[in-house]
Amino acid sequence: MDWRQYIHSDPEILLGKPVVKGTRLSVEFILGLFASGWTEQQVLENYPTLTQEALRAVFAFAAECMREEALYAIPAGAG
């Protein structure tokens, strides 16, 4: 999947955080919803501007960012 069709960064929107195009929903926020236990259905129902493709793009973007990351800092006390 080419996440670039769905995710972008604009310094005028959320201080340049990556967001789903056409929204003010950041990748970080959406990942946080899933980390909190939200289902895809809950996310799509609560944020009707999102699509399944946009959600897949969020995960594709995060995966690519992790592939390119050279340092994985785990916060103290996390394990």
C-alpha atoms as a PDB file:
ATOM      1  CA  MET A   1       0.000   0.000   0.000  1.00  0.00           C
ATOM      2  CA  ASP A   2       1.217   3.490  -0.813  1.00  0.00           C
ATOM      3  CA  TRP A   3       0.405   5.361   2.382  1.00  0.00           C
ATOM      4  CA  ARG A   4       1.369   8.657   0.695  1.00  0.00           C
ATOM      5  CA  GLN A   5      -2.064   8.776  -0.927  1.00  0.00           C
ATOM      6  CA  TYR A   6      -3.654   9.023   2.545  1.00  0.00           C
ATOM      7  CA  ILE A   7      -1.103  10.493   4.973  1.00  0.00           C
ATOM      8  CA  HIS A   8       0.599  13.874   4.832  1.00  0.00           C
ATOM      9  CA  SER A   9       2.267  16.467   7.001  1.00  0.00           C
ATOM     10  CA  ASP A  10       1.539  20.184   6.896  1.00  0.00           C
ATOM     11  CA  PRO A  11       3.155  22.642   9.334  1.00  0.00           C
ATOM     12  CA  GLU A  12      -0.200  24.460   9.487  1.00  0.00           C
ATOM     13  CA  ILE A  13      -2.045  21.346  10.751  1.00  0.00           C
ATOM     14  CA  LEU A  14      -1.255  19.949  14.212  1.00  0.00           C
ATOM     15  CA  LEU A  15       2.243  21.457  14.103  1.00  0.00           C
ATOM     16  CA  GLY A  16       3.211  19.226  11.183  1.00  0.00           C
ATOM     17  CA  LYS A  17       2.299  15.869  12.727  1.00  0.00           C
ATOM     18  CA  PRO A  18       1.424  13.251  10.096  1.00  0.00           C
ATOM     19  CA  VAL A  19      -2.362  13.227   9.622  1.00  0.00           C
ATOM     20  CA  VAL A  20      -4.893  11.493   7.415  1.00  0.00           C
ATOM     21  CA  LYS A  21      -5.451  13.783   4.434  1.00  0.00           C
ATOM     22  CA  GLY A  22      -8.587  15.887   4.709  1.00  0.00           C
ATOM     23  CA  THR A  23      -8.747  15.489   8.499  1.00  0.00           C
ATOM     24  CA  ARG A  24      -7.069  16.727  11.638  1.00  0.00           C
ATOM     25  CA  LEU A  25      -6.698  13.134  12.849  1.00  0.00           C
ATOM     26  CA  SER A  26      -3.052  12.362  13.467  1.00  0.00           C
ATOM     27  CA  VAL A  27      -1.455   8.994  12.893  1.00  0.00           C
ATOM     28  CA  GLU A  28      -0.426   9.081  16.554  1.00  0.00           C
ATOM     29  CA  PHE A  29      -4.035   9.641  17.689  1.00  0.00           C
ATOM     30  CA  ILE A  30      -5.416   6.820  15.546  1.00  0.00           C
ATOM     31  CA  LEU A  31      -2.735   4.369  16.688  1.00  0.00           C
ATOM     32  CA  GLY A  32      -3.553   5.381  20.248  1.00  0.00           C
ATOM     33  CA  LEU A  33      -7.196   4.458  19.745  1.00  0.00           C
ATOM     34  CA  PHE A  34      -6.207   0.971  18.616  1.00  0.00           C
ATOM     35  CA  ALA A  35      -3.704   0.677  21.475  1.00  0.00           C
ATOM     36  CA  SER A  36      -6.557   1.524  23.866  1.00  0.00           C
ATOM     37  CA  GLY A  37      -8.605  -1.372  22.524  1.00  0.00           C
ATOM     38  CA  TRP A  38     -10.810   0.304  19.935  1.00  0.00           C
ATOM     39  CA  THR A  39     -11.866  -1.879  17.036  1.00  0.00           C
ATOM     40  CA  GLU A  40     -11.742  -0.859  13.397  1.00  0.00           C
ATOM     41  CA  GLN A  41     -15.535  -0.671  13.428  1.00  0.00           C
ATOM     42  CA  GLN A  42     -15.534   1.678  16.439  1.00  0.00           C
ATOM     43  CA  VAL A  43     -12.981   3.963  14.830  1.00  0.00           C
ATOM     44  CA  LEU A  44     -14.876   4.108  11.534  1.00  0.00           C
ATOM     45  CA  GLU A  45     -18.217   4.717  13.283  1.00  0.00           C
ATOM     46  CA  ASN A  46     -16.825   7.505  15.468  1.00  0.00           C
ATOM     47  CA  TYR A  47     -14.774   9.151  12.720  1.00  0.00           C
ATOM     48  CA  PRO A  48     -16.873   8.813   9.545  1.00  0.00           C
ATOM     49  CA  THR A  49     -14.369  10.773   7.447  1.00  0.00           C
ATOM     50  CA  LEU A  50     -11.965   7.828   7.763  1.00  0.00           C
ATOM     51  CA  THR A  51     -12.021   4.833   5.441  1.00  0.00           C
ATOM     52  CA  GLN A  52     -10.647   1.315   5.772  1.00  0.00           C
ATOM     53  CA  GLU A  53      -7.969   2.272   3.248  1.00  0.00           C
ATOM     54  CA  ALA A  54      -6.953   5.292   5.337  1.00  0.00           C
ATOM     55  CA  LEU A  55      -6.632   3.073   8.411  1.00  0.00           C
ATOM     56  CA  ARG A  56      -4.452   0.619   6.493  1.00  0.00           C
ATOM     57  CA  ALA A  57      -2.342   3.593   5.395  1.00  0.00           C
ATOM     58  CA  VAL A  58      -1.864   4.596   9.045  1.00  0.00           C
ATOM     59  CA  PHE A  59      -0.418   1.158   9.801  1.00  0.00           C
ATOM     60  CA  ALA A  60       1.659   1.123   6.604  1.00  0.00           C
ATOM     61  CA  PHE A  61       3.105   4.520   7.532  1.00  0.00           C
ATOM     62  CA  ALA A  62       3.912   3.368  11.078  1.00  0.00           C
ATOM     63  CA  ALA A  63       5.520   0.161   9.784  1.00  0.00           C
ATOM     64  CA  GLU A  64       7.711   2.104   7.355  1.00  0.00           C
ATOM     65  CA  CYS A  65       8.750   4.519  10.086  1.00  0.00           C
ATOM     66  CA  MET A  66       9.766   1.601  12.310  1.00  0.00           C
ATOM     67  CA  ARG A  67      11.753  -0.031   9.485  1.00  0.00           C
ATOM     68  CA  GLU A  68      13.730   3.170   9.055  1.00  0.00           C
ATOM     69  CA  GLU A  69      14.288   3.715  12.792  1.00  0.00           C
ATOM     70  CA  ALA A  70      17.801   2.896  13.969  1.00  0.00           C
ATOM     71  CA  LEU A  71      17.282   3.297  17.729  1.00  0.00           C
ATOM     72  CA  TYR A  72      14.464   1.692  19.686  1.00  0.00           C
ATOM     73  CA  ALA A  73      14.342   3.380  23.062  1.00  0.00           C
ATOM     74  CA  ILE A  74      12.139   1.554  25.553  1.00  0.00           C
ATOM     75  CA  PRO A  75      11.020   3.811  28.453  1.00  0.00           C
ATOM     76  CA  ALA A  76      12.393   2.845  31.871  1.00  0.00           C
ATOM     77  CA  GLY A  77      10.031   0.595  33.772  1.00  0.00           C
ATOM     78  CA  ALA A  78       8.347  -0.685  30.612  1.00  0.00           C
ATOM     79  CA  GLY A  79       9.607  -4.196  30.933  1.00  0.00           C
END
